[in-house]
Amino acid sequence: MDGVTLLVQARAAGLDVHADGDRLVVRGPKSAEPLARQLLAAKVEIMPLLAAAAAERAAEGNYRADPRPELPDHAAWTLLLARAYALDGHDPGGVYGALHGMRCLGARLADDGHGWRLLPGELASAEYGEMRERWLLPQRDALTRLLGEVGGEGGAP
């Protein structure tokens, strides 16, 4: 049985399988001991799979993180980017890609009483206008919905 199949079966059997340094740790119910022994015997195949899954989770977490945590509206951006990522992943042509790019360049959020709206922040007005036209307007419907939803969750940026 290959490593992926073993991991799928292990999770279905209630086993916790993870790496601790160079050790393979398998914990779970006694009824799954035969499967746990198979996993340990396949450690050489299992460890790279666990490392790849951990790297993928870390990369996904980085995509959702605010790239400008030093700015005062950091909490609002963290929430907005997480919602945008949930909508279309890290698609550079989607609403997440547009928002992430604008934030990297210093765009800010403001509460206008009806939800949040984007402001140029560190961008010059002309530069913001060009970016808005190219990246935000094609995502207008999704962006408007996200800003309204996230702004309605409370907490001003």
C-alpha atoms as a PDB file:
ATOM      1  CA  MET A   1       0.000   0.000   0.000  1.00  0.00           C
ATOM      2  CA  ASP A   2       1.405   3.437  -0.909  1.00  0.00           C
ATOM      3  CA  GLY A   3       2.027   6.235   1.605  1.00  0.00           C
ATOM      4  CA  VAL A   4      -0.885   8.423   0.509  1.00  0.00           C
ATOM      5  CA  THR A   5      -3.341   5.548   0.906  1.00  0.00           C
ATOM      6  CA  LEU A   6      -1.886   4.737   4.324  1.00  0.00           C
ATOM      7  CA  LEU A   7      -2.305   8.349   5.461  1.00  0.00           C
ATOM      8  CA  VAL A   8      -5.888   8.489   4.205  1.00  0.00           C
ATOM      9  CA  GLN A   9      -6.720   5.260   6.004  1.00  0.00           C
ATOM     10  CA  ALA A  10      -4.939   6.447   9.146  1.00  0.00           C
ATOM     11  CA  ARG A  11      -6.975   9.646   9.323  1.00  0.00           C
ATOM     12  CA  ALA A  12     -10.181   7.698   8.666  1.00  0.00           C
ATOM     13  CA  ALA A  13      -9.241   5.361  11.531  1.00  0.00           C
ATOM     14  CA  GLY A  14      -8.762   8.304  13.900  1.00  0.00           C
ATOM     15  CA  LEU A  15      -4.981   8.249  13.954  1.00  0.00           C
ATOM     16  CA  ASP A  16      -2.986  11.431  14.454  1.00  0.00           C
ATOM     17  CA  VAL A  17       0.076  11.188  12.216  1.00  0.00           C
ATOM     18  CA  HIS A  18       2.725  13.898  12.278  1.00  0.00           C
ATOM     19  CA  ALA A  19       6.455  14.468  12.188  1.00  0.00           C
ATOM     20  CA  ASP A  20       8.417  15.582  15.222  1.00  0.00           C
ATOM     21  CA  GLY A  21      11.805  16.431  13.794  1.00  0.00           C
ATOM     22  CA  ASP A  22      12.961  13.225  12.136  1.00  0.00           C
ATOM     23  CA  ARG A  23      10.549  11.065  14.154  1.00  0.00           C
ATOM     24  CA  LEU A  24       7.222   9.816  12.840  1.00  0.00           C
ATOM     25  CA  VAL A  25       4.601  10.108  15.576  1.00  0.00           C
ATOM     26  CA  VAL A  26       1.439   8.030  15.339  1.00  0.00           C
ATOM     27  CA  ARG A  27      -1.222   8.267  18.047  1.00  0.00           C
ATOM     28  CA  GLY A  28      -4.758   6.986  18.188  1.00  0.00           C
ATOM     29  CA  PRO A  29      -7.115   4.249  19.241  1.00  0.00           C
ATOM     30  CA  LYS A  30      -5.846   0.771  20.060  1.00  0.00           C
ATOM     31  CA  SER A  31      -8.090  -0.655  17.352  1.00  0.00           C
ATOM     32  CA  ALA A  32      -5.864   1.059  14.757  1.00  0.00           C
ATOM     33  CA  GLU A  33      -2.564  -0.400  16.035  1.00  0.00           C
ATOM     34  CA  PRO A  34      -2.020  -2.630  12.957  1.00  0.00           C
ATOM     35  CA  LEU A  35      -2.348   0.428  10.718  1.00  0.00           C
ATOM     36  CA  ALA A  36      -0.052   2.427  13.013  1.00  0.00           C
ATOM     37  CA  ARG A  37       2.599  -0.296  12.639  1.00  0.00           C
ATOM     38  CA  GLN A  38       2.251  -0.141   8.831  1.00  0.00           C
ATOM     39  CA  LEU A  39       2.756   3.639   8.945  1.00  0.00           C
ATOM     40  CA  LEU A  40       5.868   3.331  11.082  1.00  0.00           C
ATOM     41  CA  ALA A  41       7.235   0.665   8.743  1.00  0.00           C
ATOM     42  CA  ALA A  42       6.672   3.050   5.815  1.00  0.00           C
ATOM     43  CA  LYS A  43       8.335   6.019   7.555  1.00  0.00           C
ATOM     44  CA  VAL A  44      10.727   6.675   4.658  1.00  0.00           C
ATOM     45  CA  GLU A  45       7.750   7.172   2.325  1.00  0.00           C
ATOM     46  CA  ILE A  46       5.480   8.932   4.856  1.00  0.00           C
ATOM     47  CA  MET A  47       7.872  11.636   6.113  1.00  0.00           C
ATOM     48  CA  PRO A  48       8.217  13.472   2.755  1.00  0.00           C
ATOM     49  CA  LEU A  49       4.415  13.413   2.362  1.00  0.00           C
ATOM     50  CA  LEU A  50       3.976  15.001   5.793  1.00  0.00           C
ATOM     51  CA  ALA A  51       6.664  17.602   5.020  1.00  0.00           C
ATOM     52  CA  ALA A  52       4.961  18.497   1.722  1.00  0.00           C
ATOM     53  CA  ALA A  53       1.577  18.847   3.443  1.00  0.00           C
ATOM     54  CA  ALA A  54       3.104  21.068   6.136  1.00  0.00           C
ATOM     55  CA  ALA A  55       4.781  23.250   3.507  1.00  0.00           C
ATOM     56  CA  GLU A  56       1.500  23.587   1.624  1.00  0.00           C
ATOM     57  CA  ARG A  57      -0.337  24.631   4.818  1.00  0.00           C
ATOM     58  CA  ALA A  58       2.381  27.189   5.584  1.00  0.00           C
ATOM     59  CA  ALA A  59       2.256  28.606   2.058  1.00  0.00           C
ATOM     60  CA  GLU A  60      -1.526  28.840   2.207  1.00  0.00           C
ATOM     61  CA  GLY A  61      -1.266  30.662   5.535  1.00  0.00           C
ATOM     62  CA  ASN A  62       1.189  33.121   3.987  1.00  0.00           C
ATOM     63  CA  TYR A  63      -1.177  33.814   1.102  1.00  0.00           C
ATOM     64  CA  ARG A  64      -3.925  34.785   3.518  1.00  0.00           C
ATOM     65  CA  ALA A  65      -1.685  36.927   5.705  1.00  0.00           C
ATOM     66  CA  ASP A  66      -1.612  40.713   5.461  1.00  0.00           C
ATOM     67  CA  PRO A  67       1.621  41.582   3.627  1.00  0.00           C
ATOM     68  CA  ARG A  68       1.716  44.968   5.424  1.00  0.00           C
ATOM     69  CA  PRO A  69       1.215  44.112   9.127  1.00  0.00           C
ATOM     70  CA  GLU A  70       2.943  47.341  10.187  1.00  0.00           C
ATOM     71  CA  LEU A  71      -0.007  49.454   8.984  1.00  0.00           C
ATOM     72  CA  PRO A  72      -2.755  50.324  11.490  1.00  0.00           C
ATOM     73  CA  ASP A  73      -5.572  48.624   9.566  1.00  0.00           C
ATOM     74  CA  HIS A  74      -3.795  45.262   9.759  1.00  0.00           C
ATOM     75  CA  ALA A  75      -6.627  43.369  11.500  1.00  0.00           C
ATOM     76  CA  ALA A  76      -9.151  44.475   8.898  1.00  0.00           C
ATOM     77  CA  TRP A  77      -6.876  43.408   6.042  1.00  0.00           C
ATOM     78  CA  THR A  78      -6.208  40.038   7.640  1.00  0.00           C
ATOM     79  CA  LEU A  79      -9.938  39.364   7.750  1.00  0.00           C
ATOM     80  CA  LEU A  80     -10.559  40.704   4.244  1.00  0.00           C
ATOM     81  CA  LEU A  81      -7.718  38.733   2.658  1.00  0.00           C
ATOM     82  CA  ALA A  82      -8.784  35.510   4.390  1.00  0.00           C
ATOM     83  CA  ARG A  83     -12.313  35.946   3.019  1.00  0.00           C
ATOM     84  CA  ALA A  84     -11.020  36.776  -0.466  1.00  0.00           C
ATOM     85  CA  TYR A  85      -8.720  33.739  -0.388  1.00  0.00           C
ATOM     86  CA  ALA A  86     -11.676  31.546   0.602  1.00  0.00           C
ATOM     87  CA  LEU A  87     -13.555  32.930  -2.398  1.00  0.00           C
ATOM     88  CA  ASP A  88     -11.013  32.227  -5.135  1.00  0.00           C
ATOM     89  CA  GLY A  89      -7.757  30.959  -3.649  1.00  0.00           C
ATOM     90  CA  HIS A  90      -4.551  32.731  -4.586  1.00  0.00           C
ATOM     91  CA  ASP A  91      -5.671  33.235  -8.176  1.00  0.00           C
ATOM     92  CA  PRO A  92      -3.629  36.279  -9.282  1.00  0.00           C
ATOM     93  CA  GLY A  93      -6.461  37.297 -11.584  1.00  0.00           C
ATOM     94  CA  GLY A  94      -9.163  37.007  -8.916  1.00  0.00           C
ATOM     95  CA  VAL A  95     -10.365  39.260  -6.142  1.00  0.00           C
ATOM     96  CA  TYR A  96      -7.750  37.880  -3.745  1.00  0.00           C
ATOM     97  CA  GLY A  97      -4.912  38.641  -6.178  1.00  0.00           C
ATOM     98  CA  ALA A  98      -6.233  42.155  -6.750  1.00  0.00           C
ATOM     99  CA  LEU A  99      -6.579  42.898  -3.040  1.00  0.00           C
ATOM    100  CA  HIS A 100      -3.249  41.359  -2.119  1.00  0.00           C
ATOM    101  CA  GLY A 101      -1.457  43.368  -4.780  1.00  0.00           C
ATOM    102  CA  MET A 102      -3.114  46.604  -3.733  1.00  0.00           C
ATOM    103  CA  ARG A 103      -2.254  45.952  -0.097  1.00  0.00           C
ATOM    104  CA  CYS A 104       1.383  45.229  -0.951  1.00  0.00           C
ATOM    105  CA  LEU A 105       1.479  48.698  -2.481  1.00  0.00           C
ATOM    106  CA  GLY A 106       0.036  50.274   0.678  1.00  0.00           C
ATOM    107  CA  ALA A 107      -3.713  50.527  -0.010  1.00  0.00           C
ATOM    108  CA  ARG A 108      -5.782  51.139   3.125  1.00  0.00           C
ATOM    109  CA  LEU A 109      -9.317  50.442   4.343  1.00  0.00           C
ATOM    110  CA  ALA A 110     -11.816  52.923   5.789  1.00  0.00           C
ATOM    111  CA  ASP A 111     -15.289  52.446   7.261  1.00  0.00           C
ATOM    112  CA  ASP A 112     -17.809  54.640   5.477  1.00  0.00           C
ATOM    113  CA  GLY A 113     -20.730  53.618   7.717  1.00  0.00           C
ATOM    114  CA  HIS A 114     -22.021  51.036   5.215  1.00  0.00           C
ATOM    115  CA  GLY A 115     -18.974  48.798   5.144  1.00  0.00           C
ATOM    116  CA  TRP A 116     -15.359  49.217   4.238  1.00  0.00           C
ATOM    117  CA  ARG A 117     -13.957  50.912   1.181  1.00  0.00           C
ATOM    118  CA  LEU A 118     -10.492  50.943  -0.285  1.00  0.00           C
ATOM    119  CA  LEU A 119      -8.302  54.036  -0.160  1.00  0.00           C
ATOM    120  CA  PRO A 120      -5.010  54.770  -1.952  1.00  0.00           C
ATOM    121  CA  GLY A 121      -3.000  54.804   1.282  1.00  0.00           C
ATOM    122  CA  GLU A 122       0.645  55.057   0.204  1.00  0.00           C
ATOM    123  CA  LEU A 123      -0.198  55.107  -3.499  1.00  0.00           C
ATOM    124  CA  ALA A 124      -0.311  58.355  -5.456  1.00  0.00           C
ATOM    125  CA  SER A 125      -3.832  59.169  -6.657  1.00  0.00           C
ATOM    126  CA  ALA A 126      -2.994  58.663 -10.338  1.00  0.00           C
ATOM    127  CA  GLU A 127      -1.228  55.377  -9.618  1.00  0.00           C
ATOM    128  CA  TYR A 128      -4.147  54.194  -7.485  1.00  0.00           C
ATOM    129  CA  GLY A 129      -6.582  55.142 -10.268  1.00  0.00           C
ATOM    130  CA  GLU A 130      -4.665  53.073 -12.801  1.00  0.00           C
ATOM    131  CA  MET A 131      -4.430  50.096 -10.451  1.00  0.00           C
ATOM    132  CA  ARG A 132      -8.098  50.419  -9.533  1.00  0.00           C
ATOM    133  CA  GLU A 133      -9.084  50.401 -13.196  1.00  0.00           C
ATOM    134  CA  ARG A 134      -6.883  47.427 -14.053  1.00  0.00           C
ATOM    135  CA  TRP A 135      -7.244  45.194 -10.978  1.00  0.00           C
ATOM    136  CA  LEU A 136     -10.225  46.210  -8.854  1.00  0.00           C
ATOM    137  CA  LEU A 137     -12.956  47.113 -11.326  1.00  0.00           C
ATOM    138  CA  PRO A 138     -12.937  43.683 -13.019  1.00  0.00           C
ATOM    139  CA  GLN A 139     -13.584  42.239  -9.531  1.00  0.00           C
ATOM    140  CA  ARG A 140     -16.142  44.881  -8.581  1.00  0.00           C
ATOM    141  CA  ASP A 141     -19.064  42.580  -7.662  1.00  0.00           C
ATOM    142  CA  ALA A 142     -16.998  40.200  -5.517  1.00  0.00           C
ATOM    143  CA  LEU A 143     -15.047  43.067  -3.986  1.00  0.00           C
ATOM    144  CA  THR A 144     -18.193  45.029  -3.088  1.00  0.00           C
ATOM    145  CA  ARG A 145     -19.734  41.943  -1.493  1.00  0.00           C
ATOM    146  CA  LEU A 146     -16.589  41.136   0.493  1.00  0.00           C
ATOM    147  CA  LEU A 147     -16.109  44.682   1.747  1.00  0.00           C
ATOM    148  CA  GLY A 148     -19.755  44.829   2.846  1.00  0.00           C
ATOM    149  CA  GLU A 149     -19.648  41.426   4.545  1.00  0.00           C
ATOM    150  CA  VAL A 150     -16.380  41.938   6.365  1.00  0.00           C
ATOM    151  CA  GLY A 151     -17.238  45.499   7.363  1.00  0.00           C
ATOM    152  CA  GLY A 152     -20.519  44.235   8.798  1.00  0.00           C
ATOM    153  CA  GLU A 153     -18.651  41.858  11.112  1.00  0.00           C
ATOM    154  CA  GLY A 154     -17.739  44.788  13.339  1.00  0.00           C
ATOM    155  CA  GLY A 155     -14.504  46.423  14.241  1.00  0.00           C
ATOM    156  CA  ALA A 156     -13.376  49.439  12.319  1.00  0.00           C
ATOM    157  CA  PRO A 157     -10.069  49.212  10.495  1.00  0.00           C
END
